[in-house]
Amino acid sequence: MKKLKILLLTLLAGVLTFGLVACKSDSKVSSDTNDGKNNSEEVVTKNHDVTEDGSADEVTIKLGVVGENNEQWEPVIAKLAEEGINLVLVKFADYSLPNQALADGEIELNAFQHYAYLNNEIKDKGLQLTVIGETIIAPLGLYSDKVKSISEITEAATIAIPSDATNGGRALKLLESAGLIKVDPEAGYVPTVSDITDNPLKIEFYEVEAANTPSLLADVTAAIINGGHAVDNGLYPQKDSIYLEEVSENSDNPYINIIVARTDEIDNENYKKLVEAYRSEEVAKVIEEVYKGGYIPTWN
């Protein structure tokens, strides 16, 4: 039963990737307006038919995000509202959607990914997207309902990892730093399972869409979960992980999260105001209080 569940989630990851092309003609969007926050949150299950919001006299910026916990954007929404800018959070179901939506003009910006993920998307799809600001680092962690430490992981253990190239590669590098496997150094920071050169415990890997890794904790020995998805599922990296990625705030860290725009719009003054509003003491305070180490500001 457990392997069937894992197999279904693995197949789902493939279907979602195929869906980028297959669902272009008939996707639907639902909207949920939070009147108390001066903005609406549009929930996007695929990537089309995003509705317009805001009056004729105000500028509306639709920002693509992934996940349910977006409290750090509330001070930004309030600050921009003072300047007549209506910031709308457009929530996507998974990582495979917001870059294409941005390239297609369905949203103005997105903020859900790190440099490594964006660079891989640009390479694979030829998207004309550019970073306009840095946000946070979300440490990748190894979590388990079965064991309490790395030393308790034994032969033939099962570990779920994200299926996308950059987060999957990052997951394998994390396991290498934990001493569980070795990967080919020629693969850089995006190794695949086929690049594993030493697996002494004969660990079996299940590759699934990153958002699904928390749901497999009951079925596998351990799962590697992105910081945002961990927080969405009530897990805090510093407290709940059995092994946590060491993060660096150096400018060459490929896992720093970013705000992205279409390349021909990077000089938009309103976008610059958004970046400045995000990189503030108010936002840093919210991140510290709400996410408890799940996110780390890069400007503080």
Protein backbone atom coordinates (compact mmCIF):
# COMPACT_ATOMS: atom_id res chain seq x y z
CA MET A 1 0.00 0.00 0.00
CA LYS A 2 2.82 2.37 0.88
CA LYS A 3 4.66 1.71 -2.38
CA LEU A 4 1.40 2.23 -4.31
CA LYS A 5 0.95 5.65 -2.72
CA ILE A 6 4.54 6.60 -3.51
CA LEU A 7 4.16 5.35 -7.08
CA LEU A 8 1.00 7.43 -7.56
CA LEU A 9 2.73 10.58 -6.32
CA THR A 10 5.72 9.87 -8.56
CA LEU A 11 3.41 9.50 -11.54
CA LEU A 12 1.61 12.70 -10.50
CA ALA A 13 4.89 14.61 -10.69
CA GLY A 14 5.24 13.51 -14.31
CA VAL A 15 1.64 14.43 -15.10
CA LEU A 16 2.10 17.92 -13.64
CA THR A 17 5.15 18.49 -15.79
CA PHE A 18 3.28 17.32 -18.91
CA GLY A 19 0.38 19.55 -17.86
CA LEU A 20 2.43 22.67 -18.51
CA VAL A 21 1.77 22.08 -22.20
CA ALA A 22 -1.42 20.05 -22.10
CA CYS A 23 -3.60 22.44 -20.03
CA LYS A 24 -2.90 25.72 -21.82
CA SER A 25 -6.33 25.92 -23.47
CA ASP A 26 -8.77 25.25 -20.63
CA SER A 27 -7.27 26.12 -17.23
CA LYS A 28 -9.42 27.74 -14.53
CA VAL A 29 -8.70 30.08 -11.65
CA SER A 30 -10.65 30.85 -8.48
CA SER A 31 -10.30 34.04 -6.45
CA ASP A 32 -10.50 34.64 -2.71
CA THR A 33 -10.53 38.26 -1.59
CA ASN A 34 -9.17 39.07 1.89
CA ASP A 35 -10.80 42.43 2.50
CA GLY A 36 -8.94 43.02 5.75
CA LYS A 37 -5.55 42.88 4.04
CA ASN A 38 -6.13 45.41 1.22
CA ASN A 39 -5.49 42.76 -1.40
CA SER A 40 -6.87 39.61 -2.96
CA GLU A 41 -5.23 36.22 -3.16
CA GLU A 42 -5.93 34.42 -6.42
CA VAL A 43 -5.56 30.66 -6.12
CA VAL A 44 -4.19 29.19 -9.34
CA THR A 45 -4.51 25.44 -9.82
CA LYS A 46 -2.98 25.57 -13.28
CA ASN A 47 -1.78 28.70 -15.04
CA HIS A 48 -4.42 30.58 -17.01
CA ASP A 49 -7.39 32.99 -16.84
CA VAL A 50 -6.05 35.14 -13.98
CA THR A 51 -8.69 37.79 -13.26
CA GLU A 52 -7.97 41.50 -13.08
CA ASP A 53 -8.31 43.28 -9.75
CA GLY A 54 -8.11 46.91 -8.64
CA SER A 55 -9.63 50.18 -9.79
CA ALA A 56 -8.78 52.16 -12.91
CA ASP A 57 -6.85 54.69 -10.85
CA GLU A 58 -4.47 52.27 -9.16
CA VAL A 59 -1.64 50.10 -10.40
CA THR A 60 -2.08 46.37 -9.86
CA ILE A 61 0.90 44.03 -9.63
CA LYS A 62 0.14 40.32 -9.69
CA LEU A 63 2.88 38.38 -7.90
CA GLY A 64 3.12 34.61 -8.29
CA VAL A 65 3.86 32.61 -5.13
CA VAL A 66 3.78 28.92 -4.16
CA GLY A 67 2.42 27.70 -0.83
CA GLU A 68 -0.12 28.87 1.72
CA ASN A 69 2.06 30.80 4.17
CA ASN A 70 2.71 34.27 2.82
CA GLU A 71 2.54 36.45 5.92
CA GLN A 72 5.84 38.15 5.04
CA TRP A 73 4.07 39.88 2.14
CA GLU A 74 1.49 41.61 4.35
CA PRO A 75 3.76 44.59 5.26
CA VAL A 76 4.67 44.90 1.58
CA ILE A 77 1.01 44.96 0.56
CA ALA A 78 0.30 47.67 3.15
CA LYS A 79 3.32 49.79 2.15
CA LEU A 80 2.56 49.67 -1.56
CA ALA A 81 -1.11 50.47 -0.95
CA GLU A 82 0.00 53.81 0.51
CA GLU A 83 1.51 54.59 -2.89
CA GLY A 84 -1.52 53.51 -4.90
CA ILE A 85 -0.13 50.10 -5.85
CA ASN A 86 -2.40 47.09 -5.35
CA LEU A 87 -0.26 43.98 -4.81
CA VAL A 88 -2.17 40.75 -5.52
CA LEU A 89 -0.70 37.40 -4.50
CA VAL A 90 -1.42 34.74 -7.12
CA LYS A 91 -0.99 31.33 -5.49
CA PHE A 92 0.17 28.47 -7.70
CA ALA A 93 -0.15 24.79 -6.85
CA ASP A 94 3.48 23.84 -7.51
CA TYR A 95 6.87 25.06 -8.71
CA SER A 96 6.38 24.09 -12.36
CA LEU A 97 3.87 26.86 -13.11
CA PRO A 98 4.84 30.44 -12.08
CA ASN A 99 7.75 31.01 -14.47
CA GLN A 100 5.71 30.10 -17.54
CA ALA A 101 2.82 32.24 -16.27
CA LEU A 102 5.22 35.17 -15.90
CA ALA A 103 6.69 34.64 -19.36
CA ASP A 104 3.17 34.46 -20.81
CA GLY A 105 2.19 37.78 -19.21
CA GLU A 106 -0.41 36.34 -16.84
CA ILE A 107 1.39 37.82 -13.83
CA GLU A 108 3.88 40.68 -13.50
CA LEU A 109 6.38 39.13 -11.06
CA ASN A 110 7.00 35.94 -9.15
CA ALA A 111 8.76 35.13 -5.86
CA PHE A 112 8.96 31.41 -5.15
CA GLN A 113 12.33 30.10 -6.36
CA HIS A 114 16.08 30.33 -5.92
CA TYR A 115 18.76 31.21 -8.48
CA ALA A 116 19.50 27.57 -9.28
CA TYR A 117 15.87 26.81 -10.15
CA LEU A 118 15.48 29.92 -12.31
CA ASN A 119 18.73 29.31 -14.16
CA ASN A 120 17.65 25.75 -14.94
CA GLU A 121 14.24 26.93 -16.20
CA ILE A 122 15.86 29.55 -18.44
CA LYS A 123 18.24 26.95 -19.82
CA ASP A 124 15.52 24.38 -20.49
CA LYS A 125 12.76 26.69 -21.76
CA GLY A 126 14.53 29.78 -23.08
CA LEU A 127 12.47 32.11 -20.87
CA GLN A 128 13.30 35.82 -20.94
CA LEU A 129 13.23 36.33 -17.15
CA THR A 130 15.59 38.29 -14.89
CA VAL A 131 16.17 38.63 -11.15
CA ILE A 132 15.28 42.06 -9.72
CA GLY A 133 15.80 41.36 -6.02
CA GLU A 134 16.79 38.80 -3.38
CA THR A 135 14.50 37.69 -0.56
CA ILE A 136 15.25 34.78 1.77
CA ILE A 137 17.05 31.49 2.13
CA ALA A 138 14.83 28.52 2.97
CA PRO A 139 17.00 25.71 4.39
CA LEU A 140 16.39 22.25 2.99
CA GLY A 141 15.85 19.67 5.71
CA LEU A 142 15.62 15.93 6.20
CA TYR A 143 12.53 14.99 8.23
CA SER A 144 11.29 11.68 9.59
CA ASP A 145 8.45 10.15 11.57
CA LYS A 146 10.46 6.94 11.93
CA VAL A 147 13.95 7.93 13.13
CA LYS A 148 15.36 10.71 15.28
CA SER A 149 18.85 11.06 13.83
CA ILE A 150 20.95 10.33 10.76
CA SER A 151 22.68 7.49 12.65
CA GLU A 152 19.36 5.60 12.88
CA ILE A 153 18.99 5.39 9.10
CA THR A 154 19.84 1.80 8.24
CA GLU A 155 20.24 -0.40 5.18
CA ALA A 156 17.44 -0.36 2.59
CA ALA A 157 15.97 2.85 3.97
CA THR A 158 13.56 4.78 1.74
CA ILE A 159 13.93 8.53 1.24
CA ALA A 160 11.60 10.85 -0.70
CA ILE A 161 13.23 13.74 -2.56
CA PRO A 162 11.87 16.50 -4.86
CA SER A 163 11.60 15.43 -8.49
CA ASP A 164 12.63 18.72 -10.14
CA ALA A 165 16.25 18.93 -11.25
CA THR A 166 17.51 21.68 -8.97
CA ASN A 167 15.76 20.75 -5.72
CA GLY A 168 16.39 17.06 -6.37
CA GLY A 169 20.08 17.79 -6.91
CA ARG A 170 20.14 19.96 -3.81
CA ALA A 171 18.56 17.11 -1.85
CA LEU A 172 21.24 14.65 -2.95
CA LYS A 173 23.98 17.14 -2.02
CA LEU A 174 22.35 17.44 1.42
CA LEU A 175 22.43 13.66 1.86
CA GLU A 176 26.06 13.66 0.75
CA SER A 177 26.92 16.27 3.39
CA ALA A 178 25.16 14.03 5.94
CA GLY A 179 27.49 11.17 4.97
CA LEU A 180 24.78 8.90 3.59
CA ILE A 181 25.82 8.89 -0.08
CA LYS A 182 28.45 10.25 -2.46
CA VAL A 183 27.73 11.86 -5.81
CA ASP A 184 29.86 12.58 -8.84
CA PRO A 185 31.47 16.02 -8.32
CA GLU A 186 31.25 16.61 -12.08
CA ALA A 187 27.47 16.95 -11.68
CA GLY A 188 27.90 20.24 -9.80
CA TYR A 189 24.94 21.35 -7.69
CA VAL A 190 22.34 19.50 -9.81
CA PRO A 191 23.26 15.79 -9.56
CA THR A 192 20.62 13.17 -10.28
CA VAL A 193 20.11 9.76 -8.71
CA SER A 194 22.16 8.31 -11.58
CA ASP A 195 25.12 10.46 -10.42
CA ILE A 196 25.31 8.66 -7.05
CA THR A 197 28.70 6.96 -6.92
CA ASP A 198 28.45 5.41 -3.46
CA ASN A 199 25.30 4.29 -1.64
CA PRO A 200 26.54 1.99 1.14
CA LEU A 201 23.13 1.67 2.81
CA LYS A 202 21.41 0.88 -0.51
CA ILE A 203 18.94 3.69 0.10
CA GLU A 204 15.93 3.63 -2.22
CA PHE A 205 14.89 7.05 -3.52
CA TYR A 206 11.38 8.15 -4.42
CA GLU A 207 11.25 11.28 -6.58
CA VAL A 208 7.99 13.23 -6.27
CA GLU A 209 6.79 16.81 -6.78
CA ALA A 210 8.33 18.89 -3.97
CA ALA A 211 4.94 19.83 -2.52
CA ASN A 212 4.15 16.13 -1.98
CA THR A 213 7.23 15.19 0.05
CA PRO A 214 5.63 16.01 3.44
CA SER A 215 2.68 13.71 2.72
CA LEU A 216 5.06 10.75 2.38
CA LEU A 217 6.50 10.97 5.89
CA ALA A 218 4.20 8.16 7.05
CA ASP A 219 5.36 5.89 4.23
CA VAL A 220 9.12 6.38 3.96
CA THR A 221 12.04 6.34 6.35
CA ALA A 222 12.64 10.05 5.76
CA ALA A 223 11.83 12.85 3.33
CA ILE A 224 13.73 15.91 2.18
CA ILE A 225 11.37 18.89 2.32
CA ASN A 226 11.85 22.44 1.08
CA GLY A 227 11.62 25.12 3.75
CA GLY A 228 8.38 26.63 2.46
CA HIS A 229 6.59 23.30 2.19
CA ALA A 230 7.87 22.32 5.63
CA VAL A 231 6.32 25.46 7.15
CA ASP A 232 3.08 24.88 5.22
CA ASN A 233 2.86 21.49 6.94
CA GLY A 234 3.63 22.71 10.45
CA LEU A 235 7.30 21.70 10.42
CA TYR A 236 10.05 24.09 11.46
CA PRO A 237 13.54 23.29 10.16
CA GLN A 238 15.50 24.28 13.25
CA LYS A 239 13.25 22.25 15.56
CA ASP A 240 11.82 19.37 13.55
CA SER A 241 14.43 18.30 11.00
CA ILE A 242 16.87 15.47 11.76
CA TYR A 243 19.45 17.06 9.46
CA LEU A 244 19.46 20.62 8.16
CA GLU A 245 21.28 22.27 5.31
CA GLU A 246 23.94 24.79 6.28
CA VAL A 247 23.02 28.05 4.60
CA SER A 248 25.31 30.77 3.32
CA GLU A 249 24.21 34.31 2.57
CA ASN A 250 27.13 34.88 0.19
CA SER A 251 26.10 36.40 -3.14
CA ASP A 252 27.21 33.28 -5.01
CA ASN A 253 24.85 30.97 -3.08
CA PRO A 254 22.61 29.43 -5.79
CA TYR A 255 19.85 28.77 -3.23
CA ILE A 256 19.07 32.39 -2.34
CA ASN A 257 15.40 33.05 -3.20
CA ILE A 258 14.58 35.82 -5.61
CA ILE A 259 11.97 38.15 -7.10
CA VAL A 260 11.77 37.75 -10.87
CA ALA A 261 10.38 39.89 -13.69
CA ARG A 262 10.26 39.68 -17.46
CA THR A 263 13.61 40.85 -18.78
CA ASP A 264 12.18 43.79 -20.72
CA GLU A 265 10.48 45.18 -17.58
CA ILE A 266 13.29 45.10 -15.03
CA ASP A 267 13.48 48.91 -14.86
CA ASN A 268 9.84 49.32 -13.85
CA GLU A 269 9.82 51.81 -10.96
CA ASN A 270 6.89 50.13 -9.21
CA TYR A 271 8.76 46.83 -9.18
CA LYS A 272 11.72 48.58 -7.58
CA LYS A 273 9.38 49.92 -4.88
CA LEU A 274 8.16 46.37 -4.24
CA VAL A 275 11.71 45.05 -3.80
CA GLU A 276 12.56 47.90 -1.43
CA ALA A 277 9.39 47.31 0.59
CA TYR A 278 10.20 43.62 0.94
CA ARG A 279 13.78 44.11 2.04
CA SER A 280 12.74 46.00 5.17
CA GLU A 281 12.94 45.63 8.93
CA GLU A 282 9.17 45.08 9.09
CA VAL A 283 9.34 42.09 6.77
CA ALA A 284 12.41 40.67 8.53
CA LYS A 285 10.53 40.82 11.83
CA VAL A 286 7.53 38.96 10.39
CA ILE A 287 9.81 36.27 8.92
CA GLU A 288 11.55 35.78 12.27
CA GLU A 289 8.32 35.62 14.28
CA VAL A 290 6.21 33.52 11.92
CA TYR A 291 8.65 31.09 10.33
CA LYS A 292 11.00 30.45 13.26
CA GLY A 293 14.04 29.61 11.14
CA GLY A 294 12.10 28.22 8.18
CA TYR A 295 13.06 31.33 6.22
CA ILE A 296 16.15 33.49 6.76
CA PRO A 297 16.24 37.08 5.41
CA THR A 298 19.24 37.81 3.19
CA TRP A 299 19.45 41.52 4.00
CA ASN A 300 19.55 41.44 7.82
